[in-house]
Amino acid sequence: MHVVPGLKVLYFGTPVVLISSLNEDGTANLAPMSSAWWLGQSCMLGLGNGAQTTANLLREGECVLNLPSSAMVDAVDRLALTTGKAVVSDHKAKQGYRHEPDKFSVARLTEQASDLVRAPRVAECPIQLECRVVSAHPFGSPSPSATAFQVEVVRAHVEEELVLPGTHYVDPLGWDPLIMKFCEFFGGGHTIHPSRLAEGWNMPHLHRSTAG
């Protein structure tokens, strides 16, 4: 039997992406997000208009989409409730967000130079996608509160062990992406880590973990 609960959040789960971009002063910003989908060599990204990453993509026109494995959940969660914005909005402050100018240090991750864009890659991520912004579209109703970015992947970096020998394909059994469903972290189909983001967004969660 179906019920009609009046869902507050429609957020069924996508891979977590660490987006690296350049701030106005040339320093690197790093932000986790999980509203992304790919088709061919293009990707659509959904970002809130108040995010530093949104401002960076609109200004610089490029970024790197770094895909962490489920084993990197601790690094990703260290970025939860942080923002590159020097002035934290009242809304985000109430959720527990704080300004962090050096996101790579907070996450304990390493900057790695890119080949075709100025934004750095995350060295620890097994998949890194250098991208250029193709277009940006206001998103949301009745008043747009987000931006949908279309980006083109201009170079893909993949750990050699994840590539099927003799092919140009990623091994789907070897690749275990970090997934976020309703503000909770999943890997291999199981909850693997409590999420501070869920607390900031007042999402109910069970703190279950079946990871070994």
Protein backbone atom coordinates (compact mmCIF):
# COMPACT_ATOMS: atom_id res chain seq x y z
CA MET A 1 0.00 0.00 0.00
CA HIS A 2 1.25 3.48 -0.87
CA VAL A 3 0.86 6.44 1.47
CA VAL A 4 1.03 10.18 0.79
CA PRO A 5 3.32 11.52 3.52
CA GLY A 6 3.94 14.96 1.97
CA LEU A 7 7.72 14.56 1.67
CA LYS A 8 9.69 17.55 2.89
CA VAL A 9 12.81 16.59 0.90
CA LEU A 10 13.00 14.90 -2.50
CA TYR A 11 16.58 13.70 -2.32
CA PHE A 12 16.80 10.03 -3.20
CA GLY A 13 20.55 9.71 -3.56
CA THR A 14 23.39 10.36 -5.99
CA PRO A 15 27.19 9.98 -5.83
CA VAL A 16 28.97 12.50 -3.65
CA VAL A 17 31.16 14.91 -5.60
CA LEU A 18 33.89 17.10 -4.16
CA ILE A 19 33.90 20.19 -6.38
CA SER A 20 37.17 22.08 -6.42
CA SER A 21 37.12 25.62 -7.78
CA LEU A 22 39.06 28.86 -7.51
CA ASN A 23 38.09 31.71 -5.22
CA GLU A 24 38.36 35.31 -6.37
CA ASP A 25 41.80 35.64 -4.73
CA GLY A 26 43.11 32.53 -6.51
CA THR A 27 42.94 30.18 -3.53
CA ALA A 28 41.19 26.83 -3.84
CA ASN A 29 37.71 26.06 -2.56
CA LEU A 30 36.44 22.53 -1.99
CA ALA A 31 32.78 21.68 -1.50
CA PRO A 32 30.86 18.40 -1.22
CA MET A 33 27.64 18.07 -3.17
CA SER A 34 25.43 15.26 -4.42
CA SER A 35 23.05 16.78 -6.94
CA ALA A 36 24.77 15.72 -10.14
CA TRP A 37 24.07 13.55 -13.15
CA TRP A 38 26.07 12.65 -16.24
CA LEU A 39 25.20 12.04 -19.88
CA GLY A 40 27.91 11.45 -22.48
CA GLN A 41 30.79 13.82 -21.74
CA SER A 42 28.58 16.35 -19.95
CA CYS A 43 27.31 16.74 -16.41
CA MET A 44 24.54 18.74 -14.75
CA LEU A 45 25.22 20.21 -11.31
CA GLY A 46 22.64 21.65 -8.94
CA LEU A 47 24.05 24.26 -6.53
CA GLY A 48 22.43 26.72 -4.15
CA ASN A 49 22.82 30.36 -5.11
CA GLY A 50 24.34 31.23 -1.75
CA ALA A 51 27.27 28.83 -2.16
CA GLN A 52 30.83 29.97 -2.73
CA THR A 53 31.15 27.26 -5.39
CA THR A 54 28.27 28.81 -7.35
CA ALA A 55 29.98 32.20 -7.36
CA ASN A 56 33.27 30.59 -8.38
CA LEU A 57 31.77 28.65 -11.29
CA LEU A 58 29.93 31.70 -12.59
CA ARG A 59 33.10 33.79 -12.43
CA GLU A 60 35.80 31.30 -13.45
CA GLY A 61 33.83 29.01 -15.76
CA GLU A 62 35.64 25.86 -14.67
CA CYS A 63 35.99 23.30 -11.88
CA VAL A 64 37.06 19.75 -11.10
CA LEU A 65 34.54 17.09 -10.10
CA ASN A 66 36.40 14.79 -7.72
CA LEU A 67 34.58 11.53 -6.97
CA PRO A 68 35.49 10.06 -3.57
CA SER A 69 35.18 6.37 -2.82
CA SER A 70 33.14 5.24 0.16
CA ALA A 71 36.43 4.82 2.07
CA MET A 72 36.83 8.62 2.02
CA VAL A 73 33.66 9.30 4.01
CA ASP A 74 35.56 10.78 6.98
CA ALA A 75 37.24 13.40 4.78
CA VAL A 76 33.94 14.34 3.16
CA ASP A 77 32.12 14.62 6.48
CA ARG A 78 34.82 16.94 7.82
CA LEU A 79 33.64 19.44 5.20
CA ALA A 80 30.03 19.25 6.35
CA LEU A 81 28.58 22.52 7.64
CA THR A 82 31.51 24.56 6.30
CA THR A 83 31.36 27.31 3.72
CA GLY A 84 33.89 29.25 1.71
CA LYS A 85 31.72 32.35 2.05
CA ALA A 86 33.41 34.90 4.31
CA VAL A 87 30.00 36.14 5.46
CA VAL A 88 27.81 33.29 6.69
CA SER A 89 24.10 33.92 6.12
CA ASP A 90 21.75 33.82 9.11
CA HIS A 91 20.02 30.78 7.61
CA LYS A 92 23.26 28.80 7.36
CA ALA A 93 24.51 30.00 10.73
CA LYS A 94 21.38 28.59 12.37
CA GLN A 95 22.13 25.24 10.74
CA GLY A 96 25.64 25.28 12.21
CA TYR A 97 27.67 26.37 9.19
CA ARG A 98 30.99 28.13 9.73
CA HIS A 99 33.41 29.90 7.39
CA GLU A 100 36.51 27.87 6.48
CA PRO A 101 38.99 29.51 4.09
CA ASP A 102 41.18 26.40 3.63
CA LYS A 103 38.86 23.50 2.85
CA PHE A 104 41.63 21.14 1.72
CA SER A 105 43.30 21.39 5.14
CA VAL A 106 40.00 20.92 6.97
CA ALA A 107 39.31 17.75 4.96
CA ARG A 108 42.97 16.65 5.27
CA LEU A 109 43.17 16.25 1.51
CA THR A 110 45.87 17.18 -0.99
CA GLU A 111 45.77 19.64 -3.86
CA GLN A 112 46.99 18.21 -7.18
CA ALA A 113 47.57 20.35 -10.27
CA SER A 114 45.13 19.86 -13.13
CA ASP A 115 46.12 19.58 -16.78
CA LEU A 116 43.57 21.75 -18.59
CA VAL A 117 41.86 23.90 -15.94
CA ARG A 118 43.24 26.10 -13.17
CA ALA A 119 41.20 24.55 -10.36
CA PRO A 120 43.16 21.81 -8.54
CA ARG A 121 42.25 18.15 -8.31
CA VAL A 122 41.92 16.16 -5.06
CA ALA A 123 44.87 13.76 -5.13
CA GLU A 124 43.16 11.16 -2.93
CA CYS A 125 40.05 10.84 -5.12
CA PRO A 126 40.25 7.84 -7.48
CA ILE A 127 38.26 9.66 -10.19
CA GLN A 128 38.85 13.31 -11.09
CA LEU A 129 36.99 15.11 -13.91
CA GLU A 130 38.33 18.43 -15.17
CA CYS A 131 35.39 20.50 -16.41
CA ARG A 132 34.47 23.74 -18.13
CA VAL A 133 31.10 25.44 -17.63
CA VAL A 134 28.93 25.42 -20.76
CA SER A 135 25.84 27.15 -19.39
CA ALA A 136 24.06 28.16 -16.19
CA HIS A 137 20.31 28.18 -15.64
CA PRO A 138 18.24 29.56 -12.72
CA PHE A 139 16.50 26.73 -10.91
CA GLY A 140 13.62 26.66 -8.45
CA SER A 141 10.06 27.87 -8.11
CA PRO A 142 8.43 30.29 -7.55
CA SER A 143 11.71 32.17 -7.03
CA PRO A 144 15.00 30.57 -8.19
CA SER A 145 17.17 29.63 -5.23
CA ALA A 146 19.68 27.46 -7.09
CA THR A 147 21.58 27.26 -10.36
CA ALA A 148 21.77 24.30 -12.70
CA PHE A 149 25.19 24.22 -14.34
CA GLN A 150 25.95 22.26 -17.49
CA VAL A 151 29.64 21.40 -17.55
CA GLU A 152 31.72 19.60 -20.16
CA VAL A 153 34.31 17.06 -19.01
CA VAL A 154 37.52 17.99 -20.82
CA ARG A 155 39.78 15.43 -19.13
CA ALA A 156 39.11 12.40 -16.92
CA HIS A 157 41.70 10.96 -14.53
CA VAL A 158 41.03 7.44 -13.17
CA GLU A 159 43.11 5.25 -10.89
CA GLU A 160 44.63 2.55 -13.08
CA GLU A 161 43.31 -0.28 -10.90
CA LEU A 162 39.74 0.87 -11.58
CA VAL A 163 40.06 0.61 -15.37
CA LEU A 164 39.09 -2.72 -16.95
CA PRO A 165 42.29 -4.03 -18.62
CA GLY A 166 42.44 -3.32 -22.34
CA THR A 167 39.39 -1.04 -22.29
CA HIS A 168 38.34 2.56 -21.64
CA TYR A 169 35.75 1.54 -19.04
CA VAL A 170 35.63 1.75 -15.24
CA ASP A 171 35.23 -1.57 -13.45
CA PRO A 172 31.73 -1.35 -11.88
CA LEU A 173 32.63 -3.99 -9.29
CA GLY A 174 35.86 -2.26 -8.26
CA TRP A 175 34.35 1.23 -8.07
CA ASP A 176 32.50 1.84 -4.81
CA PRO A 177 31.28 5.45 -4.88
CA LEU A 178 30.24 7.32 -1.77
CA ILE A 179 26.47 7.84 -1.99
CA MET A 180 24.34 10.31 -0.06
CA LYS A 181 20.67 9.45 0.38
CA PHE A 182 18.48 11.85 2.35
CA CYS A 183 21.61 13.40 3.95
CA GLU A 184 23.03 10.02 5.04
CA PHE A 185 26.24 8.39 3.78
CA PHE A 186 26.08 5.01 2.04
CA GLY A 187 28.66 2.70 0.50
CA GLY A 188 28.19 -0.78 -0.89
CA GLY A 189 24.46 -0.43 -0.23
CA HIS A 190 24.89 0.10 3.54
CA THR A 191 24.94 3.09 5.85
CA ILE A 192 28.58 3.67 6.70
CA HIS A 193 28.87 6.91 8.68
CA PRO A 194 26.66 9.29 10.66
CA SER A 195 26.26 12.59 8.85
CA ARG A 196 26.72 15.97 10.50
CA LEU A 197 24.89 17.47 7.54
CA ALA A 198 21.78 15.52 8.52
CA GLU A 199 21.94 17.11 11.95
CA GLY A 200 22.28 20.59 10.48
CA TRP A 201 19.27 19.99 8.24
CA ASN A 202 17.25 18.39 11.07
CA MET A 203 16.89 15.15 9.12
CA PRO A 204 15.80 12.06 11.07
CA HIS A 205 18.41 9.34 10.96
CA LEU A 206 18.99 6.04 12.73
CA HIS A 207 22.80 6.06 13.19
CA ARG A 208 22.93 2.51 11.84
CA SER A 209 26.16 1.21 10.31
CA THR A 210 26.77 -2.19 8.81
CA ALA A 211 30.25 -1.41 7.57
CA GLY A 212 32.97 -3.69 8.82
